[in-house]
Structures are given as C-alpha cells and as structure tokens.
PDB file of N, CA and C in Angstrom:
ATOM      1  N   MET A   1     106.889 100.154 105.312  1.00  0.00           N
ATOM      2  CA  MET A   1     106.446 100.013 104.106  1.00  0.00           C
ATOM      3  C   MET A   1     107.896  99.564 103.536  1.00  0.00           C
ATOM      4  N   LYS A   2     108.129  98.278 102.994  1.00  0.00           N
ATOM      5  CA  LYS A   2     109.413  97.835 102.502  1.00  0.00           C
ATOM      6  C   LYS A   2     109.426  98.028 100.905  1.00  0.00           C
ATOM      7  N   GLU A   3     108.028  97.983 100.366  1.00  0.00           N
ATOM      8  CA  GLU A   3     107.989  97.995  99.002  1.00  0.00           C
ATOM      9  C   GLU A   3     107.107  98.954  98.530  1.00  0.00           C
ATOM     10  N   LEU A   4     107.633  99.581  97.501  1.00  0.00           N
ATOM     11  CA  LEU A   4     106.772 100.938  96.839  1.00  0.00           C
ATOM     12  C   LEU A   4     105.996 100.230  95.647  1.00  0.00           C
ATOM     13  N   THR A   5     104.657 100.003  95.650  1.00  0.00           N
ATOM     14  CA  THR A   5     103.901  99.504  94.802  1.00  0.00           C
ATOM     15  C   THR A   5     102.618 100.501  94.051  1.00  0.00           C
ATOM     16  N   PHE A   6     102.237 100.287  93.270  1.00  0.00           N
ATOM     17  CA  PHE A   6     101.303 100.985  92.613  1.00  0.00           C
ATOM     18  C   PHE A   6     100.146 101.435  93.534  1.00  0.00           C
ATOM     19  N   GLY A   7      99.790 100.428  94.026  1.00  0.00           N
ATOM     20  CA  GLY A   7      98.459 100.588  95.083  1.00  0.00           C
ATOM     21  C   GLY A   7      99.050 101.336  96.401  1.00  0.00           C
ATOM     22  N   THR A   8     100.100 101.256  96.655  1.00  0.00           N
ATOM     23  CA  THR A   8     100.637 102.241  97.817  1.00  0.00           C
ATOM     24  C   THR A   8     100.708 103.741  97.209  1.00  0.00           C
ATOM     25  N   LEU A   9     100.988 103.934  96.073  1.00  0.00           N
ATOM     26  CA  LEU A   9     101.277 105.424  95.616  1.00  0.00           C
ATOM     27  C   LEU A   9      99.626 105.668  95.653  1.00  0.00           C
ATOM     28  N   ILE A  10      98.790 105.053  95.032  1.00  0.00           N
ATOM     29  CA  ILE A  10      97.560 105.356  94.807  1.00  0.00           C
ATOM     30  C   ILE A  10      96.916 105.768  96.237  1.00  0.00           C
ATOM     31  N   ALA A  11      97.221 105.020  97.302  1.00  0.00           N
ATOM     32  CA  ALA A  11      96.722 105.056  98.413  1.00  0.00           C
ATOM     33  C   ALA A  11      97.393 106.455  99.084  1.00  0.00           C
ATOM     34  N   VAL A  12      98.567 106.772  98.884  1.00  0.00           N
ATOM     35  CA  VAL A  12      99.056 107.964  99.185  1.00  0.00           C
ATOM     36  C   VAL A  12      98.431 108.949  98.715  1.00  0.00           C
ATOM     37  N   PHE A  13      98.375 109.052  97.400  1.00  0.00           N
ATOM     38  CA  PHE A  13      97.741 110.328  96.640  1.00  0.00           C
ATOM     39  C   PHE A  13      96.247 110.453  97.086  1.00  0.00           C
ATOM     40  N   GLU A  14      95.646 109.572  97.287  1.00  0.00           N
ATOM     41  CA  GLU A  14      94.195 109.735  97.968  1.00  0.00           C
ATOM     42  C   GLU A  14      94.216 110.240  99.274  1.00  0.00           C
ATOM     43  N   GLU A  15      95.383 109.873 100.063  1.00  0.00           N
ATOM     44  CA  GLU A  15      95.300 110.532 101.453  1.00  0.00           C
ATOM     45  C   GLU A  15      95.907 112.185 101.363  1.00  0.00           C
ATOM     46  N   VAL A  16      96.705 112.460 100.368  1.00  0.00           N
ATOM     47  CA  VAL A  16      97.171 113.657 100.141  1.00  0.00           C
ATOM     48  C   VAL A  16      96.040 114.483  99.725  1.00  0.00           C
ATOM     49  N   PHE A  17      95.328 114.191  98.573  1.00  0.00           N
ATOM     50  CA  PHE A  17      94.295 115.118  97.853  1.00  0.00           C
ATOM     51  C   PHE A  17      93.021 114.697  98.257  1.00  0.00           C
ATOM     52  N   GLY A  18      92.688 113.712  98.855  1.00  0.00           N
ATOM     53  CA  GLY A  18      91.250 113.373  99.118  1.00  0.00           C
ATOM     54  C   GLY A  18      91.018 112.442  97.880  1.00  0.00           C
ATOM     55  N   ARG A  19      90.146 111.470  98.460  1.00  0.00           N
ATOM     56  CA  ARG A  19      89.757 110.329  97.155  1.00  0.00           C
ATOM     57  C   ARG A  19      89.087 111.186  96.053  1.00  0.00           C
ATOM     58  N   GLY A  20      88.036 112.002  96.240  1.00  0.00           N
ATOM     59  CA  GLY A  20      87.375 112.778  95.394  1.00  0.00           C
ATOM     60  C   GLY A  20      88.275 113.423  94.252  1.00  0.00           C
ATOM     61  N   LEU A  21      88.847 114.358  94.779  1.00  0.00           N
ATOM     62  CA  LEU A  21      89.943 115.076  94.232  1.00  0.00           C
ATOM     63  C   LEU A  21      90.773 114.503  93.278  1.00  0.00           C
ATOM     64  N   PHE A  22      91.566 113.274  94.002  1.00  0.00           N
ATOM     65  CA  PHE A  22      92.371 112.649  93.338  1.00  0.00           C
ATOM     66  C   PHE A  22      91.810 111.931  92.016  1.00  0.00           C
ATOM     67  N   TRP A  23      90.757 111.282  91.916  1.00  0.00           N
ATOM     68  CA  TRP A  23      90.164 110.605  90.961  1.00  0.00           C
ATOM     69  C   TRP A  23      89.318 111.633  89.935  1.00  0.00           C
ATOM     70  N   THR A  24      89.163 112.915  90.388  1.00  0.00           N
ATOM     71  CA  THR A  24      88.727 113.890  89.504  1.00  0.00           C
ATOM     72  C   THR A  24      89.790 114.345  88.639  1.00  0.00           C
ATOM     73  N   MET A  25      90.928 114.564  89.173  1.00  0.00           N
ATOM     74  CA  MET A  25      92.263 114.836  88.606  1.00  0.00           C
ATOM     75  C   MET A  25      92.499 113.666  87.577  1.00  0.00           C
ATOM     76  N   VAL A  26      92.548 112.753  87.928  1.00  0.00           N
ATOM     77  CA  VAL A  26      92.923 111.368  87.277  1.00  0.00           C
ATOM     78  C   VAL A  26      92.032 111.585  85.749  1.00  0.00           C
ATOM     79  N   ALA A  27      90.403 111.739  86.221  1.00  0.00           N
ATOM     80  CA  ALA A  27      89.630 111.871  84.959  1.00  0.00           C
ATOM     81  C   ALA A  27      89.780 113.049  84.096  1.00  0.00           C
ATOM     82  N   VAL A  28      90.201 114.134  84.472  1.00  0.00           N
ATOM     83  CA  VAL A  28      90.447 115.242  83.855  1.00  0.00           C
ATOM     84  C   VAL A  28      91.797 114.980  82.933  1.00  0.00           C
ATOM     85  N   ALA A  29      92.785 114.507  83.515  1.00  0.00           N
ATOM     86  CA  ALA A  29      94.057 114.145  82.932  1.00  0.00           C
ATOM     87  C   ALA A  29      93.783 113.074  81.738  1.00  0.00           C
ATOM     88  N   GLY A  30      92.875 112.347  81.965  1.00  0.00           N
ATOM     89  CA  GLY A  30      92.608 111.279  80.944  1.00  0.00           C
ATOM     90  C   GLY A  30      91.700 111.912  79.676  1.00  0.00           C
ATOM     91  N   ILE A  31      90.948 112.659  80.096  1.00  0.00           N
ATOM     92  CA  ILE A  31      90.053 113.609  79.055  1.00  0.00           C
ATOM     93  C   ILE A  31      91.072 114.328  78.268  1.00  0.00           C
ATOM     94  N   VAL A  32      91.889 115.244  78.811  1.00  0.00           N
ATOM     95  CA  VAL A  32      92.719 115.993  78.132  1.00  0.00           C
ATOM     96  C   VAL A  32      93.590 115.306  77.362  1.00  0.00           C
ATOM     97  N   THR A  33      94.259 114.183  77.892  1.00  0.00           N
ATOM     98  CA  THR A  33      95.160 113.057  77.055  1.00  0.00           C
ATOM     99  C   THR A  33      94.512 112.697  75.752  1.00  0.00           C
ATOM    100  N   LEU A  34      93.168 112.278  76.046  1.00  0.00           N
ATOM    101  CA  LEU A  34      92.363 111.766  74.714  1.00  0.00           C
ATOM    102  C   LEU A  34      92.092 112.925  73.946  1.00  0.00           C
ATOM    103  N   GLY A  35      91.918 114.152  74.372  1.00  0.00           N
ATOM    104  CA  GLY A  35      91.614 115.293  73.470  1.00  0.00           C
ATOM    105  C   GLY A  35      92.908 115.699  72.603  1.00  0.00           C
ATOM    106  N   TYR A  36      94.135 115.638  73.311  1.00  0.00           N
ATOM    107  CA  TYR A  36      95.244 115.883  72.616  1.00  0.00           C
ATOM    108  C   TYR A  36      95.611 114.575  71.583  1.00  0.00           C
ATOM    109  N   LEU A  37      95.363 113.504  71.719  1.00  0.00           N
ATOM    110  CA  LEU A  37      95.453 112.354  70.893  1.00  0.00           C
ATOM    111  C   LEU A  37      94.560 112.750  69.796  1.00  0.00           C
ATOM    112  N   TYR A  38      93.335 113.122  69.955  1.00  0.00           N
ATOM    113  CA  TYR A  38      92.331 113.407  68.946  1.00  0.00           C
ATOM    114  C   TYR A  38      92.952 114.424  68.019  1.00  0.00           C
ATOM    115  N   VAL A  39      93.374 115.505  68.593  1.00  0.00           N
ATOM    116  CA  VAL A  39      93.945 116.858  67.801  1.00  0.00           C
ATOM    117  C   VAL A  39      95.039 116.331  66.718  1.00  0.00           C
ATOM    118  N   LEU A  40      96.078 115.808  67.487  1.00  0.00           N
ATOM    119  CA  LEU A  40      97.210 115.115  66.815  1.00  0.00           C
ATOM    120  C   LEU A  40      96.864 114.271  65.704  1.00  0.00           C
ATOM    121  N   ILE A  41      95.692 113.270  65.862  1.00  0.00           N
ATOM    122  CA  ILE A  41      95.367 112.426  64.725  1.00  0.00           C
ATOM    123  C   ILE A  41      94.653 113.083  63.920  1.00  0.00           C
ATOM    124  N   ARG A  42      93.563 114.131  64.047  1.00  0.00           N
ATOM    125  CA  ARG A  42      92.793 114.825  63.147  1.00  0.00           C
ATOM    126  C   ARG A  42      93.738 115.702  62.606  1.00  0.00           C
ATOM    127  N   ASP A  43      94.747 116.380  62.734  1.00  0.00           N
ATOM    128  CA  ASP A  43      95.370 117.381  62.193  1.00  0.00           C
ATOM    129  C   ASP A  43      96.747 116.757  61.447  1.00  0.00           C
ATOM    130  N   ARG A  44      96.852 115.836  61.852  1.00  0.00           N
ATOM    131  CA  ARG A  44      98.238 114.997  61.240  1.00  0.00           C
ATOM    132  C   ARG A  44      99.482 115.688  61.134  1.00  0.00           C
ATOM    133  N   SER A  45      99.611 116.694  62.009  1.00  0.00           N
ATOM    134  CA  SER A  45     100.655 117.427  61.968  1.00  0.00           C
ATOM    135  C   SER A  45     100.623 118.294  63.311  1.00  0.00           C
ATOM    136  N   VAL A  46     101.992 118.945  63.606  1.00  0.00           N
ATOM    137  CA  VAL A  46     101.793 119.951  64.670  1.00  0.00           C
ATOM    138  C   VAL A  46     101.833 121.263  64.257  1.00  0.00           C
ATOM    139  N   SER A  47     100.907 122.089  64.772  1.00  0.00           N
ATOM    140  CA  SER A  47     101.156 123.513  64.292  1.00  0.00           C
ATOM    141  C   SER A  47     102.034 124.237  65.254  1.00  0.00           C
ATOM    142  N   TRP A  48     102.846 125.024  64.513  1.00  0.00           N
ATOM    143  CA  TRP A  48     104.036 125.414  65.405  1.00  0.00           C
ATOM    144  C   TRP A  48     103.674 126.563  66.131  1.00  0.00           C
ATOM    145  N   LYS A  49     102.687 127.206  65.511  1.00  0.00           N
ATOM    146  CA  LYS A  49     102.023 128.691  66.192  1.00  0.00           C
ATOM    147  C   LYS A  49     101.502 128.220  67.453  1.00  0.00           C
ATOM    148  N   LYS A  50     100.541 127.059  67.380  1.00  0.00           N
ATOM    149  CA  LYS A  50      99.865 126.635  68.647  1.00  0.00           C
ATOM    150  C   LYS A  50     101.044 125.973  69.725  1.00  0.00           C
ATOM    151  N   PHE A  51     101.917 125.351  69.135  1.00  0.00           N
ATOM    152  CA  PHE A  51     102.954 124.814  69.832  1.00  0.00           C
ATOM    153  C   PHE A  51     103.742 125.833  70.704  1.00  0.00           C
ATOM    154  N   LEU A  52     104.027 127.176  70.097  1.00  0.00           N
ATOM    155  CA  LEU A  52     104.682 128.222  70.677  1.00  0.00           C
ATOM    156  C   LEU A  52     103.943 128.677  71.866  1.00  0.00           C
ATOM    157  N   LEU A  53     102.640 128.786  71.679  1.00  0.00           N
ATOM    158  CA  LEU A  53     101.716 129.397  72.669  1.00  0.00           C
ATOM    159  C   LEU A  53     101.544 128.211  73.919  1.00  0.00           C
ATOM    160  N   ALA A  54     101.530 126.988  73.514  1.00  0.00           N
ATOM    161  CA  ALA A  54     101.735 125.940  74.490  1.00  0.00           C
ATOM    162  C   ALA A  54     102.988 126.014  75.444  1.00  0.00           C
ATOM    163  N   GLN A  55     103.810 126.351  74.650  1.00  0.00           N
ATOM    164  CA  GLN A  55     105.371 126.575  75.356  1.00  0.00           C
ATOM    165  C   GLN A  55     105.282 127.672  76.334  1.00  0.00           C
ATOM    166  N   LEU A  56     104.712 128.635  75.959  1.00  0.00           N
ATOM    167  CA  LEU A  56     104.825 130.204  76.867  1.00  0.00           C
ATOM    168  C   LEU A  56     103.963 129.730  78.019  1.00  0.00           C
ATOM    169  N   SER A  57     102.949 128.787  77.949  1.00  0.00           N
ATOM    170  CA  SER A  57     102.226 128.609  79.014  1.00  0.00           C
ATOM    171  C   SER A  57     102.880 127.760  80.065  1.00  0.00           C
ATOM    172  N   MET A  58     104.124 127.096  79.612  1.00  0.00           N
ATOM    173  CA  MET A  58     104.697 126.198  80.757  1.00  0.00           C
ATOM    174  C   MET A  58     105.095 126.706  82.107  1.00  0.00           C
ATOM    175  N   PRO A  59     105.881 127.963  81.954  1.00  0.00           N
ATOM    176  CA  PRO A  59     106.175 128.449  83.407  1.00  0.00           C
ATOM    177  C   PRO A  59     104.930 128.360  84.342  1.00  0.00           C
ATOM    178  N   ILE A  60     103.791 128.883  83.743  1.00  0.00           N
ATOM    179  CA  ILE A  60     102.619 129.185  84.331  1.00  0.00           C
ATOM    180  C   ILE A  60     102.248 127.744  85.094  1.00  0.00           C
ATOM    181  N   GLY A  61     102.303 126.776  84.249  1.00  0.00           N
ATOM    182  CA  GLY A  61     101.651 125.537  84.753  1.00  0.00           C
ATOM    183  C   GLY A  61     102.579 124.814  85.789  1.00  0.00           C
ATOM    184  N   ALA A  62     104.020 125.225  85.729  1.00  0.00           N
ATOM    185  CA  ALA A  62     104.915 124.616  86.665  1.00  0.00           C
ATOM    186  C   ALA A  62     104.518 125.407  88.137  1.00  0.00           C
ATOM    187  N   VAL A  63     104.561 126.750  88.060  1.00  0.00           N
ATOM    188  CA  VAL A  63     104.287 127.465  89.249  1.00  0.00           C
ATOM    189  C   VAL A  63     102.766 126.955  89.851  1.00  0.00           C
ATOM    190  N   ALA A  64     101.969 126.632  89.074  1.00  0.00           N
ATOM    191  CA  ALA A  64     100.612 126.538  89.470  1.00  0.00           C
ATOM    192  C   ALA A  64     100.617 124.879  90.059  1.00  0.00           C
ATOM    193  N   ALA A  65     101.242 124.231  89.466  1.00  0.00           N
ATOM    194  CA  ALA A  65     101.496 122.841  90.121  1.00  0.00           C
ATOM    195  C   ALA A  65     102.128 122.690  91.471  1.00  0.00           C
ATOM    196  N   VAL A  66     103.249 123.372  91.491  1.00  0.00           N
ATOM    197  CA  VAL A  66     104.003 123.537  92.803  1.00  0.00           C
ATOM    198  C   VAL A  66     102.942 124.125  93.712  1.00  0.00           C
ATOM    199  N   TRP A  67     102.423 125.410  93.543  1.00  0.00           N
ATOM    200  CA  TRP A  67     101.577 125.931  94.440  1.00  0.00           C
ATOM    201  C   TRP A  67     100.263 125.027  94.837  1.00  0.00           C
ATOM    202  N   PHE A  68      99.725 124.129  93.738  1.00  0.00           N
ATOM    203  CA  PHE A  68      98.554 123.247  94.357  1.00  0.00           C
ATOM    204  C   PHE A  68      99.115 122.097  95.316  1.00  0.00           C
ATOM    205  N   VAL A  69     100.247 121.621  95.015  1.00  0.00           N
ATOM    206  CA  VAL A  69     100.779 120.723  95.841  1.00  0.00           C
ATOM    207  C   VAL A  69     101.061 121.175  97.215  1.00  0.00           C
ATOM    208  N   MET A  70     101.571 122.507  97.274  1.00  0.00           N
ATOM    209  CA  MET A  70     101.923 123.117  98.559  1.00  0.00           C
ATOM    210  C   MET A  70     100.645 123.255  99.323  1.00  0.00           C
ATOM    211  N   VAL A  71      99.533 123.827  98.560  1.00  0.00           N
ATOM    212  CA  VAL A  71      98.437 124.221  99.451  1.00  0.00           C
ATOM    213  C   VAL A  71      97.681 122.856  99.978  1.00  0.00           C
ATOM    214  N   MET A  72      97.791 121.612  99.149  1.00  0.00           N
ATOM    215  CA  MET A  72      97.172 120.606  99.497  1.00  0.00           C
ATOM    216  C   MET A  72      98.058 119.829 100.526  1.00  0.00           C
ATOM    217  N   THR A  73      99.232 119.947 100.521  1.00  0.00           N
ATOM    218  CA  THR A  73      99.862 119.128 101.602  1.00  0.00           C
ATOM    219  C   THR A  73     100.354 120.281 102.887  1.00  0.00           C
ATOM    220  N   GLU A  74      99.605 121.442 102.909  1.00  0.00           N
ATOM    221  CA  GLU A  74      99.740 122.583 103.883  1.00  0.00           C
ATOM    222  C   GLU A  74     101.318 122.666 104.025  1.00  0.00           C
ATOM    223  N   SER A  75     102.074 122.772 103.126  1.00  0.00           N
ATOM    224  CA  SER A  75     103.660 123.121 103.342  1.00  0.00           C
ATOM    225  C   SER A  75     104.054 124.328 102.849  1.00  0.00           C
ATOM    226  N   ARG A  76     105.202 124.656 103.107  1.00  0.00           N
ATOM    227  CA  ARG A  76     105.819 125.975 102.641  1.00  0.00           C
ATOM    228  C   ARG A  76     107.211 125.474 102.135  1.00  0.00           C
ATOM    229  N   LEU A  77     107.808 126.708 101.447  1.00  0.00           N
ATOM    230  CA  LEU A  77     109.073 126.369 100.985  1.00  0.00           C
ATOM    231  C   LEU A  77     110.155 125.945 101.983  1.00  0.00           C
ATOM    232  N   SER A  78     109.875 126.556 103.239  1.00  0.00           N
ATOM    233  CA  SER A  78     110.710 126.391 104.418  1.00  0.00           C
ATOM    234  C   SER A  78     110.702 124.908 105.007  1.00  0.00           C
ATOM    235  N   ASP A  79     109.880 124.286 104.391  1.00  0.00           N
ATOM    236  CA  ASP A  79     109.506 122.978 104.907  1.00  0.00           C
ATOM    237  C   ASP A  79     110.351 121.783 104.229  1.00  0.00           C
ATOM    238  N   LEU A  80     110.821 122.210 103.003  1.00  0.00           N
ATOM    239  CA  LEU A  80     111.649 121.394 102.352  1.00  0.00           C
ATOM    240  C   LEU A  80     112.854 120.962 103.133  1.00  0.00           C
ATOM    241  N   GLY A  81     113.079 119.466 103.275  1.00  0.00           N
ATOM    242  CA  GLY A  81     113.842 118.910 104.114  1.00  0.00           C
ATOM    243  C   GLY A  81     115.250 118.436 103.560  1.00  0.00           C
ATOM    244  N   GLY A  82     115.427 118.363 102.375  1.00  0.00           N
ATOM    245  CA  GLY A  82     116.575 118.021 101.744  1.00  0.00           C
ATOM    246  C   GLY A  82     116.616 117.865 100.146  1.00  0.00           C
ATOM    247  N   PRO A  83     117.768 117.134  99.537  1.00  0.00           N
ATOM    248  CA  PRO A  83     117.516 116.879  98.433  1.00  0.00           C
ATOM    249  C   PRO A  83     116.407 116.179  97.560  1.00  0.00           C
ATOM    250  N   VAL A  84     115.849 115.480  98.271  1.00  0.00           N
ATOM    251  CA  VAL A  84     114.880 114.547  97.728  1.00  0.00           C
ATOM    252  C   VAL A  84     113.726 115.384  97.663  1.00  0.00           C
ATOM    253  N   ASP A  85     113.314 116.237  98.555  1.00  0.00           N
ATOM    254  CA  ASP A  85     112.241 117.099  98.630  1.00  0.00           C
ATOM    255  C   ASP A  85     112.294 118.087  97.201  1.00  0.00           C
ATOM    256  N   VAL A  86     113.638 118.654  97.182  1.00  0.00           N
ATOM    257  CA  VAL A  86     113.714 119.532  96.039  1.00  0.00           C
ATOM    258  C   VAL A  86     113.476 118.620  94.766  1.00  0.00           C
ATOM    259  N   ILE A  87     113.946 117.563  94.584  1.00  0.00           N
ATOM    260  CA  ILE A  87     113.758 116.757  93.443  1.00  0.00           C
ATOM    261  C   ILE A  87     112.338 116.369  93.156  1.00  0.00           C
ATOM    262  N   VAL A  88     111.498 116.198  94.266  1.00  0.00           N
ATOM    263  CA  VAL A  88     110.075 116.071  94.073  1.00  0.00           C
ATOM    264  C   VAL A  88     109.442 116.987  93.559  1.00  0.00           C
ATOM    265  N   PHE A  89     109.638 118.328  94.036  1.00  0.00           N
ATOM    266  CA  PHE A  89     109.081 119.544  93.490  1.00  0.00           C
ATOM    267  C   PHE A  89     109.470 119.916  92.236  1.00  0.00           C
ATOM    268  N   LEU A  90     110.890 119.726  91.804  1.00  0.00           N
ATOM    269  CA  LEU A  90     110.999 119.872  90.585  1.00  0.00           C
ATOM    270  C   LEU A  90     110.473 119.015  89.542  1.00  0.00           C
ATOM    271  N   GLY A  91     110.249 117.843  90.125  1.00  0.00           N
ATOM    272  CA  GLY A  91     109.164 116.798  89.195  1.00  0.00           C
ATOM    273  C   GLY A  91     107.873 117.318  88.933  1.00  0.00           C
ATOM    274  N   VAL A  92     107.304 117.802  90.243  1.00  0.00           N
ATOM    275  CA  VAL A  92     105.941 118.410  90.093  1.00  0.00           C
ATOM    276  C   VAL A  92     106.078 119.460  89.285  1.00  0.00           C
ATOM    277  N   ALA A  93     106.825 120.444  89.272  1.00  0.00           N
ATOM    278  CA  ALA A  93     107.005 121.685  88.375  1.00  0.00           C
ATOM    279  C   ALA A  93     106.959 121.061  86.793  1.00  0.00           C
ATOM    280  N   GLY A  94     107.886 120.051  86.667  1.00  0.00           N
ATOM    281  CA  GLY A  94     108.048 119.481  85.299  1.00  0.00           C
ATOM    282  C   GLY A  94     106.778 119.135  84.763  1.00  0.00           C
ATOM    283  N   LEU A  95     106.073 118.188  85.537  1.00  0.00           N
ATOM    284  CA  LEU A  95     104.791 117.641  85.210  1.00  0.00           C
ATOM    285  C   LEU A  95     103.726 118.824  84.750  1.00  0.00           C
ATOM    286  N   GLY A  96     103.780 119.667  85.801  1.00  0.00           N
ATOM    287  CA  GLY A  96     102.590 120.761  85.555  1.00  0.00           C
ATOM    288  C   GLY A  96     103.080 121.498  84.182  1.00  0.00           C
ATOM    289  N   ALA A  97     104.333 121.734  84.077  1.00  0.00           N
ATOM    290  CA  ALA A  97     104.684 122.464  82.839  1.00  0.00           C
ATOM    291  C   ALA A  97     104.161 121.917  81.665  1.00  0.00           C
ATOM    292  N   VAL A  98     104.545 120.426  81.524  1.00  0.00           N
ATOM    293  CA  VAL A  98     104.050 119.533  80.368  1.00  0.00           C
ATOM    294  C   VAL A  98     102.495 119.542  80.238  1.00  0.00           C
ATOM    295  N   GLY A  99     102.046 119.326  81.433  1.00  0.00           N
ATOM    296  CA  GLY A  99     100.326 119.181  81.658  1.00  0.00           C
ATOM    297  C   GLY A  99      99.934 120.661  80.897  1.00  0.00           C
ATOM    298  N   ALA A 100     100.369 121.690  81.575  1.00  0.00           N
ATOM    299  CA  ALA A 100      99.899 123.001  80.925  1.00  0.00           C
ATOM    300  C   ALA A 100      99.927 123.293  79.283  1.00  0.00           C
ATOM    301  N   ALA A 101     100.940 122.861  78.981  1.00  0.00           N
ATOM    302  CA  ALA A 101     101.514 122.822  77.481  1.00  0.00           C
ATOM    303  C   ALA A 101     100.450 122.029  76.663  1.00  0.00           C
ATOM    304  N   ILE A 102     100.308 120.450  77.101  1.00  0.00           N
ATOM    305  CA  ILE A 102      99.345 119.702  76.453  1.00  0.00           C
ATOM    306  C   ILE A 102      97.870 120.518  76.560  1.00  0.00           C
ATOM    307  N   LEU A 103      97.621 120.802  77.573  1.00  0.00           N
ATOM    308  CA  LEU A 103      96.365 121.562  77.767  1.00  0.00           C
ATOM    309  C   LEU A 103      95.951 122.651  76.893  1.00  0.00           C
ATOM    310  N   VAL A 104      96.868 123.668  76.855  1.00  0.00           N
ATOM    311  CA  VAL A 104      96.834 124.776  76.076  1.00  0.00           C
ATOM    312  C   VAL A 104      96.922 124.355  74.551  1.00  0.00           C
ATOM    313  N   TYR A 105      97.864 123.400  74.189  1.00  0.00           N
ATOM    314  CA  TYR A 105      97.602 123.142  72.664  1.00  0.00           C
ATOM    315  C   TYR A 105      96.169 122.613  72.355  1.00  0.00           C
ATOM    316  N   THR A 106      95.625 121.532  73.086  1.00  0.00           N
ATOM    317  CA  THR A 106      94.714 120.768  72.865  1.00  0.00           C
ATOM    318  C   THR A 106      93.411 121.980  72.779  1.00  0.00           C
ATOM    319  N   LEU A 107      93.469 122.987  73.524  1.00  0.00           N
ATOM    320  CA  LEU A 107      92.255 123.893  73.854  1.00  0.00           C
ATOM    321  C   LEU A 107      92.563 124.726  72.559  1.00  0.00           C
ATOM    322  N   GLU A 108      93.589 125.018  72.240  1.00  0.00           N
ATOM    323  CA  GLU A 108      93.786 126.014  70.957  1.00  0.00           C
ATOM    324  C   GLU A 108      93.242 125.166  69.739  1.00  0.00           C
ATOM    325  N   SER A 109      93.474 124.209  69.607  1.00  0.00           N
ATOM    326  CA  SER A 109      93.405 123.377  68.401  1.00  0.00           C
ATOM    327  C   SER A 109      91.831 123.025  68.371  1.00  0.00           C
ATOM    328  N   LEU A 110      91.193 122.780  69.565  1.00  0.00           N
ATOM    329  CA  LEU A 110      89.746 122.454  69.595  1.00  0.00           C
ATOM    330  C   LEU A 110      88.812 123.747  69.419  1.00  0.00           C
ATOM    331  N   LEU A 111      89.070 124.777  70.008  1.00  0.00           N
ATOM    332  CA  LEU A 111      88.662 126.088  70.115  1.00  0.00           C
ATOM    333  C   LEU A 111      88.663 126.856  68.869  1.00  0.00           C
ATOM    334  N   GLY A 112      90.094 126.639  68.311  1.00  0.00           N
ATOM    335  CA  GLY A 112      90.421 127.512  67.248  1.00  0.00           C
ATOM    336  C   GLY A 112      90.529 128.983  67.234  1.00  0.00           C
ATOM    337  N   SER A 113      91.465 129.521  67.888  1.00  0.00           N
ATOM    338  CA  SER A 113      91.711 130.846  67.788  1.00  0.00           C
ATOM    339  C   SER A 113      91.809 131.579  66.424  1.00  0.00           C
ATOM    340  N   THR A 114      91.692 132.711  65.999  1.00  0.00           N
ATOM    341  CA  THR A 114      91.959 133.325  64.833  1.00  0.00           C
ATOM    342  C   THR A 114      93.457 133.521  64.493  1.00  0.00           C
ATOM    343  N   ARG A 115      94.075 133.605  65.719  1.00  0.00           N
ATOM    344  CA  ARG A 115      95.640 133.813  65.532  1.00  0.00           C
ATOM    345  C   ARG A 115      96.309 132.579  65.112  1.00  0.00           C
ATOM    346  N   THR A 116      95.869 131.399  65.469  1.00  0.00           N
ATOM    347  CA  THR A 116      96.777 130.096  65.142  1.00  0.00           C
ATOM    348  C   THR A 116      96.169 129.456  63.997  1.00  0.00           C
ATOM    349  N   LYS A 117      94.915 129.937  63.291  1.00  0.00           N
ATOM    350  CA  LYS A 117      94.359 129.165  62.135  1.00  0.00           C
ATOM    351  C   LYS A 117      95.301 129.409  60.806  1.00  0.00           C
ATOM    352  N   SER A 118      95.423 128.355  60.198  1.00  0.00           N
ATOM    353  CA  SER A 118      96.461 128.591  58.982  1.00  0.00           C
ATOM    354  C   SER A 118      95.701 129.323  58.101  1.00  0.00           C
ATOM    355  N   ALA A 119      96.188 130.291  57.434  1.00  0.00           N
ATOM    356  CA  ALA A 119      95.616 131.001  56.383  1.00  0.00           C
ATOM    357  C   ALA A 119      95.360 130.247  55.024  1.00  0.00           C
ATOM    358  N   PRO A 120      94.301 130.382  54.430  1.00  0.00           N
ATOM    359  CA  PRO A 120      93.837 129.601  53.090  1.00  0.00           C
ATOM    360  C   PRO A 120      94.859 129.827  51.971  1.00  0.00           C
ATOM    361  N   GLU A 121      95.115 128.572  51.452  1.00  0.00           N
ATOM    362  CA  GLU A 121      96.148 128.357  50.489  1.00  0.00           C
ATOM    363  C   GLU A 121      95.571 129.131  49.055  1.00  0.00           C
ATOM    364  N   ALA A 122      96.396 129.786  48.149  1.00  0.00           N
ATOM    365  CA  ALA A 122      95.700 130.162  47.060  1.00  0.00           C
ATOM    366  C   ALA A 122      95.751 129.088  46.102  1.00  0.00           C
TER     367      ALA A 122
END
C-alpha cells in the first residue's frame, strides 16, 4: 500500500466494523448531523444550558468510542504498540466526545426537556 486513498480508508473501515455496521454508522452520523444543523437553523442561537449538558456528556462519549473500537478490533490497552497507536486512540476519543456532545445537544433541542427550555419573557 503505497498511497492512502479515500477508497482504501473505506475498505479498511468495512473490514474492521463489517460492511453493514460501518454503513449504518455512517447513516446515523449523517442523520444526527442533519438534525444538529436543523436545530441550529431553527433556534438561530446556541442555548448555553443545552450546551453545558452536551459538554458534560463528552467524557462518556470518549470512553464509549474507545471501548467500541477496542471491542470491534478485539484489542486491549496492552496491545498498543507505540506513539501512533496512542495518537489514534486519542483521536477516536476526541471524535467520540464531539459526537456525544452533538448528539446530546440535538436530542435535548428536539425532545425539549423542561430543564433547558427558556422561561417565557414577561
């Protein structure tokens, strides 16, 4: 493998996760992203209460993403081979954290908890 192409990355991800699971994850990520964009356009501003709750979910998303990848690759932390592996796992954790925050913010906005709804102005 002399070149890293987009097609090569897709083939690797399909091999690691399985074709069905990989494309399901892509579809879910697309739906959540569209929902997030819809919420941002609809509300025309960021709700800081919802944003705080979303930030609190980030560590859970990071741990869940690393755990998911380790389960899918049948790996353990003792299998990390060097700095590149640590960088990849930090990247996975970062993406999991951001994904969890976007998911929580979107769900909170669409489902509307009474904690985060704005009080009516007088």
